[in-house]
Every structure is written in C-alpha cells, then in structure tokens.
Amino acid sequence: MPIKRHQVKSKLTVGYVLQSHPETMKYFPATELLTKKNFTDMIRKYKKVYLKPDRGRKSRGIIRVEQEGPSAYLLRSIIKGKQHKFDHFNKLWSEVKELTAGRRYVVQQEIKSVTNDGRNFDLRCHALRINGEWVIGGICARVGELGNFVTTSHIGGTPTPLETLFTDLLGYDNEEQSEVLERLNDCILQAVKVVSPIYPKNLEFAVDIGLDKEKQVWIYEVNNQPLIRGNFKLLPDKTLYHRIRSLRDEARKSNESNLSNNTD
C-alpha cells in the first residue's frame, strides 16, 4: 500500500509553487487556469496545448488542442474518444466549455516528447524521503500507442525501461544518456524539495517528466499519490518495483523513528 499522506491535490497550486522557485521554473512549461482568455493566449502562442483536470488522475479527462491554421483547430479528447475539427475559435471554445463543465481545468503548453518513430512518451520518476533526505527510487518510461497522446498503461501505454527508451527508441549514445540522466536527477530532486513543504507528511512523490528533441527535461506534474503497480510493476524486470517497495518500508521506519525521538 502507498504511504499515507496529507493531500493537496491541485495541479495549479503545485504548478505555481514550481514556477515561483528558480530551481524548478526552468523545468516547468507554461501552465494556467483554464479561462477563455488564458486559453486564447496559450493556443495563439504555443499552437498546441493540453487541458487537464486540476484534480484529475490517471490521464482521465485530458484534452489536446492544436491550432492547424488561422481559423482551423483540432481537438482530441479522452472524454469522447475521438477528434473534432473546428473552423472558428468560438465553436472550439463552446466544445471546450461543454467537455470541462463542472470541473476546474488547467491549460498547459504541449511539450513534444516523442520517440524516433513518433510515439508520445513520458517518464515516471519516483522519489522518497528517508531520514530527511530525498532519494530517487526509480525512473521508467511510459510509451504511448502510435497516434495516441496518452501514455498511461490503462489507456494503451507501455511501461518501458529507461535504457530501452534511450538506446532503442531515442538513439542516444553513452554520453547523451549520461547528460540527460544527470539533468533528470537534478530536476526530480529539485521538484520534490520545492513541493514537499506543502505536503509536510508525504514520504514519497512521483514526478512526471517530458523530454524534448533538444534533450530539455520538462515537469508535467508532481503526483502526491504515486502508485507503482501500473508502471514499475509492469516492467519486464521487476528490480525497480521491488527497490521502491523496499525504500517505502525504509521511509516508514525512519519516519516513525524520527517521530518517536521527537516525542521523547
């Protein structure tokens, strides 16, 4: 079972924290509360954006919007399971309002995180706090089906070893792998250090990260309820899965010991 945690579930709240610290703002794509003005500004500037429920999990409710021309838009939605084209922004906005009705959403700049054969991927990065220090328990890739913009395993994505992603799907040489891994480690640890004060009881986080063609790493979100059975447990080699479970036990014990010492 995951470690019990105090929950602050808003992506927007976490995003504002990441954007307000120089250590993490360089890793965080443009993200705003979904309003008509913010959506207009973001789609005009970035051409491709994602709309995400502010408190959603497991990719539920995600919408992708692309501006294909001056008055041409393509919307793809997990909610309806198909794509729609619009020839006017107001028609697009009407559809967005209908799809997001009753829920608070964020709009986020799209990061082009794709394999050499055109499949979307992201990185699930698990970090745990042991004796007051954050350690990285494991990193695995999640590779989506060709043509699908979602990478999670319950919607067709495949958990993939990081080495396989780097070598077989991205064609990185050893030097490139070392360079990206160093950047990833810094990004993960900086993210959890910055976010953890708003979750004071959390002993673990998952950081979901994109990696663009320039090898820049990007934080999509920080998950304060990280599961491992849909990612690390599905890897062919279960080493990372068992490592994280072992580190969870170590984190619990160290936390209980610290609490006991504080009450003596």
Protein backbone atom coordinates (compact mmCIF):
# COMPACT_ATOMS: atom_id res chain seq x y z
CA MET A 1 0.00 0.00 0.00
CA PRO A 2 1.19 3.58 -0.70
CA ILE A 3 2.44 5.63 2.23
CA LYS A 4 -0.30 7.63 3.93
CA ARG A 5 -0.12 11.28 3.01
CA HIS A 6 -1.63 14.69 3.65
CA GLN A 7 -3.33 15.62 0.39
CA VAL A 8 -3.23 18.88 -1.51
CA LYS A 9 -4.39 17.75 -4.91
CA SER A 10 -4.46 20.86 -7.10
CA LYS A 11 -2.16 20.78 -10.14
CA LEU A 12 -2.44 24.56 -10.33
CA THR A 13 -1.27 25.02 -6.75
CA VAL A 14 1.72 22.75 -7.33
CA GLY A 15 2.40 24.50 -10.64
CA TYR A 16 2.52 27.92 -9.02
CA VAL A 17 4.98 26.60 -6.44
CA LEU A 18 7.22 25.15 -9.18
CA GLN A 19 7.02 28.39 -11.18
CA SER A 20 7.94 30.51 -8.17
CA HIS A 21 11.30 28.84 -7.49
CA PRO A 22 14.30 29.41 -9.79
CA GLU A 23 15.46 25.83 -9.20
CA THR A 24 12.34 24.43 -10.87
CA MET A 25 10.83 27.20 -13.01
CA LYS A 26 13.27 26.37 -15.84
CA TYR A 27 11.80 22.86 -15.97
CA PHE A 28 8.12 23.79 -15.89
CA PRO A 29 6.11 24.52 -19.07
CA ALA A 30 3.63 27.39 -19.22
CA THR A 31 0.55 26.40 -17.22
CA GLU A 32 -2.51 28.48 -16.34
CA LEU A 33 -6.04 28.13 -15.02
CA LEU A 34 -8.36 27.42 -17.95
CA THR A 35 -10.33 30.55 -18.80
CA LYS A 36 -11.30 31.82 -22.23
CA LYS A 37 -8.59 34.49 -22.12
CA ASN A 38 -5.85 32.12 -20.93
CA PHE A 39 -6.88 29.51 -23.50
CA THR A 40 -6.88 32.11 -26.28
CA ASP A 41 -3.45 33.42 -25.30
CA MET A 42 -1.93 29.95 -24.91
CA ILE A 43 -3.24 28.48 -28.16
CA ARG A 44 -2.10 31.55 -30.08
CA LYS A 45 1.37 31.45 -28.55
CA TYR A 46 2.10 27.71 -28.47
CA LYS A 47 -0.30 26.35 -31.15
CA LYS A 48 -0.59 23.05 -29.23
CA VAL A 49 -1.85 22.76 -25.64
CA TYR A 50 -3.22 20.23 -23.20
CA LEU A 51 -6.25 20.75 -20.99
CA LYS A 52 -6.12 18.75 -17.76
CA PRO A 53 -8.50 18.45 -14.80
CA ASP A 54 -6.96 20.36 -11.92
CA ARG A 55 -7.52 17.40 -9.61
CA GLY A 56 -7.55 14.56 -12.11
CA ARG A 57 -5.55 11.33 -12.05
CA LYS A 58 -4.52 8.60 -14.49
CA SER A 59 -5.00 10.86 -17.56
CA ARG A 60 -8.76 10.98 -17.05
CA GLY A 61 -10.41 13.92 -18.80
CA ILE A 62 -7.33 15.09 -20.75
CA ILE A 63 -7.96 17.12 -23.93
CA ARG A 64 -5.41 18.05 -26.59
CA VAL A 65 -5.99 21.10 -28.80
CA GLU A 66 -3.95 22.11 -31.84
CA GLN A 67 -4.23 25.22 -34.00
CA GLU A 68 -3.70 23.97 -37.55
CA GLY A 69 -4.26 27.29 -39.31
CA PRO A 70 -5.53 30.87 -38.77
CA SER A 71 -9.07 29.57 -38.14
CA ALA A 72 -8.58 25.81 -38.04
CA TYR A 73 -8.45 23.82 -34.81
CA LEU A 74 -8.22 20.12 -33.96
CA LEU A 75 -9.48 18.83 -30.61
CA ARG A 76 -8.82 15.32 -29.35
CA SER A 77 -10.48 14.18 -26.17
CA ILE A 78 -10.15 11.17 -23.89
CA ILE A 79 -13.68 12.02 -22.74
CA LYS A 80 -15.35 11.36 -26.10
CA GLY A 81 -12.62 9.17 -27.53
CA LYS A 82 -12.37 10.86 -30.92
CA GLN A 83 -11.24 14.04 -32.62
CA HIS A 84 -13.18 17.08 -33.78
CA LYS A 85 -12.27 19.87 -36.19
CA PHE A 86 -13.45 23.47 -35.86
CA ASP A 87 -13.32 26.36 -38.31
CA HIS A 88 -13.86 29.09 -35.74
CA PHE A 89 -12.40 29.73 -32.27
CA ASN A 90 -15.82 30.36 -30.66
CA LYS A 91 -17.04 26.94 -31.83
CA LEU A 92 -13.93 25.37 -30.35
CA TRP A 93 -14.43 27.22 -27.06
CA SER A 94 -18.06 26.09 -26.88
CA GLU A 95 -16.92 22.48 -27.17
CA VAL A 96 -14.21 23.00 -24.55
CA LYS A 97 -16.76 24.50 -22.14
CA GLU A 98 -19.06 21.53 -22.65
CA LEU A 99 -16.28 18.99 -22.09
CA THR A 100 -14.96 20.72 -18.97
CA ALA A 101 -18.28 21.76 -17.44
CA GLY A 102 -18.43 21.39 -13.68
CA ARG A 103 -14.68 20.87 -13.20
CA ARG A 104 -11.73 23.18 -12.84
CA TYR A 105 -9.14 22.68 -15.59
CA VAL A 106 -5.64 23.90 -16.33
CA VAL A 107 -4.21 24.66 -19.77
CA GLN A 108 -0.60 23.66 -20.36
CA GLN A 109 1.87 24.21 -23.18
CA GLU A 110 2.47 20.99 -25.13
CA ILE A 111 5.95 19.53 -24.92
CA LYS A 112 6.90 17.43 -27.94
CA SER A 113 8.17 14.35 -26.13
CA VAL A 114 8.22 11.67 -28.84
CA THR A 115 10.28 8.65 -29.81
CA ASN A 116 12.08 8.44 -33.15
CA ASP A 117 9.11 6.51 -34.58
CA GLY A 118 6.63 9.18 -33.48
CA ARG A 119 5.14 7.75 -30.28
CA ASN A 120 4.47 10.03 -27.32
CA PHE A 121 6.27 9.15 -24.11
CA ASP A 122 6.88 10.49 -20.64
CA LEU A 123 8.97 9.48 -17.65
CA ARG A 124 7.54 8.36 -14.32
CA CYS A 125 10.11 9.27 -11.66
CA HIS A 126 9.63 8.07 -8.07
CA ALA A 127 11.31 9.81 -5.14
CA LEU A 128 11.17 9.01 -1.42
CA ARG A 129 12.28 10.78 1.77
CA ILE A 130 14.49 8.71 4.05
CA ASN A 131 15.96 10.22 7.21
CA GLY A 132 15.17 13.67 5.89
CA GLU A 133 16.92 13.18 2.54
CA TRP A 134 15.23 12.69 -0.82
CA VAL A 135 16.38 9.74 -2.89
CA ILE A 136 15.30 8.60 -6.36
CA GLY A 137 13.73 5.16 -6.16
CA GLY A 138 13.39 4.60 -9.89
CA ILE A 139 12.67 6.05 -13.31
CA CYS A 140 10.76 4.32 -16.08
CA ALA A 141 9.42 5.46 -19.43
CA ARG A 142 5.77 5.17 -20.48
CA VAL A 143 5.41 4.91 -24.25
CA GLY A 144 2.01 5.52 -25.83
CA GLU A 145 0.50 3.72 -28.76
CA LEU A 146 1.20 5.24 -32.16
CA GLY A 147 -1.32 8.05 -32.69
CA ASN A 148 -2.36 8.21 -29.03
CA PHE A 149 -1.39 11.28 -27.00
CA VAL A 150 -1.82 9.49 -23.64
CA THR A 151 0.95 7.28 -22.26
CA THR A 152 -0.53 5.67 -19.13
CA SER A 153 -0.80 1.89 -19.14
CA HIS A 154 -4.58 1.73 -18.61
CA ILE A 155 -5.07 3.65 -21.90
CA GLY A 156 -2.67 1.60 -24.01
CA GLY A 157 0.72 2.91 -22.89
CA THR A 158 3.62 0.55 -22.24
CA PRO A 159 5.96 0.91 -19.23
CA THR A 160 9.46 0.69 -20.69
CA PRO A 161 12.94 0.53 -19.11
CA LEU A 162 14.76 3.85 -19.29
CA GLU A 163 17.73 2.20 -21.00
CA THR A 164 15.46 0.86 -23.75
CA LEU A 165 13.98 4.31 -24.32
CA PHE A 166 17.38 5.98 -24.51
CA THR A 167 19.09 3.36 -26.67
CA ASP A 168 16.42 1.81 -28.89
CA LEU A 169 13.72 4.48 -29.14
CA LEU A 170 15.76 7.72 -29.00
CA GLY A 171 19.13 6.53 -30.29
CA TYR A 172 21.19 8.19 -27.56
CA ASP A 173 24.87 7.33 -27.24
CA ASN A 174 26.50 6.82 -23.84
CA GLU A 175 27.49 10.47 -23.48
CA GLU A 176 23.97 11.68 -24.29
CA GLN A 177 22.46 9.21 -21.84
CA SER A 178 24.73 10.41 -19.04
CA GLU A 179 23.96 14.05 -19.84
CA VAL A 180 20.19 13.53 -19.78
CA LEU A 181 20.28 11.32 -16.69
CA GLU A 182 22.21 13.98 -14.77
CA ARG A 183 19.65 16.59 -15.80
CA LEU A 184 16.79 14.27 -14.86
CA ASN A 185 18.18 13.58 -11.41
CA ASP A 186 18.57 17.30 -10.72
CA CYS A 187 15.06 18.04 -11.96
CA ILE A 188 13.46 15.29 -9.85
CA LEU A 189 15.22 16.18 -6.63
CA GLN A 190 14.68 19.91 -7.04
CA ALA A 191 10.98 19.33 -7.75
CA VAL A 192 10.31 17.23 -4.65
CA LYS A 193 12.34 19.57 -2.42
CA VAL A 194 10.31 22.55 -3.64
CA VAL A 195 6.90 20.84 -3.47
CA SER A 196 7.31 18.83 -0.26
CA PRO A 197 6.73 21.77 2.16
CA ILE A 198 3.08 21.95 1.03
CA TYR A 199 2.75 18.20 1.71
CA PRO A 200 4.59 18.02 5.05
CA LYS A 201 3.53 14.44 5.81
CA ASN A 202 4.40 12.97 2.42
CA LEU A 203 7.24 10.49 2.26
CA GLU A 204 7.09 9.96 -1.50
CA PHE A 205 6.21 11.69 -4.77
CA ALA A 206 6.15 10.83 -8.43
CA VAL A 207 7.34 13.44 -10.92
CA ASP A 208 6.03 13.03 -14.47
CA ILE A 209 8.53 14.42 -16.94
CA GLY A 210 8.72 15.04 -20.69
CA LEU A 211 11.91 15.10 -22.76
CA ASP A 212 12.03 17.10 -25.97
CA LYS A 213 14.26 16.74 -29.04
CA GLU A 214 16.79 19.20 -27.56
CA LYS A 215 17.05 16.90 -24.50
CA GLN A 216 15.43 19.51 -22.29
CA VAL A 217 13.50 17.93 -19.41
CA TRP A 218 10.07 19.29 -18.51
CA ILE A 219 7.95 18.69 -15.42
CA TYR A 220 4.37 17.86 -16.40
CA GLU A 221 3.18 17.44 -12.85
CA VAL A 222 4.09 16.18 -9.39
CA ASN A 223 1.89 13.37 -8.14
CA ASN A 224 1.39 13.19 -4.38
CA GLN A 225 -0.37 9.80 -4.53
CA PRO A 226 2.15 7.77 -6.52
CA LEU A 227 1.23 4.22 -7.48
CA ILE A 228 3.78 1.75 -8.78
CA ARG A 229 1.68 -1.20 -9.91
CA GLY A 230 0.67 0.50 -13.17
CA ASN A 231 4.24 1.48 -14.04
CA PHE A 232 7.18 -0.23 -12.37
CA LYS A 233 5.34 -3.49 -11.67
CA LEU A 234 4.63 -3.86 -15.39
CA LEU A 235 8.28 -3.61 -16.42
CA PRO A 236 9.81 -6.88 -17.68
CA ASP A 237 12.45 -6.64 -14.95
CA LYS A 238 10.86 -6.11 -11.51
CA THR A 239 14.07 -4.79 -9.87
CA LEU A 240 12.88 -1.17 -9.64
CA TYR A 241 9.45 -2.24 -8.41
CA HIS A 242 10.99 -4.22 -5.54
CA ARG A 243 13.51 -1.43 -4.86
CA ILE A 244 10.73 1.15 -4.41
CA ARG A 245 8.74 -1.18 -2.16
CA SER A 246 11.84 -1.72 -0.03
CA LEU A 247 12.53 2.03 0.11
CA ARG A 248 8.92 2.62 1.17
CA ASP A 249 9.47 0.36 4.16
CA GLU A 250 12.71 2.15 4.96
CA ALA A 251 11.00 5.55 4.67
CA ARG A 252 8.21 4.49 7.04
CA LYS A 253 10.63 3.15 9.62
CA SER A 254 12.84 6.24 9.52
CA ASN A 255 9.79 8.48 9.82
CA GLU A 256 8.43 6.50 12.77
CA SER A 257 11.84 6.65 14.43
CA ASN A 258 12.08 10.40 13.94
CA LEU A 259 8.57 10.91 15.34
CA SER A 260 9.42 8.76 18.34
CA ASN A 261 12.61 10.70 19.00
CA ASN A 262 10.73 13.99 18.79
CA THR A 263 8.27 12.90 21.47
CA ASP A 264 10.91 11.62 23.92
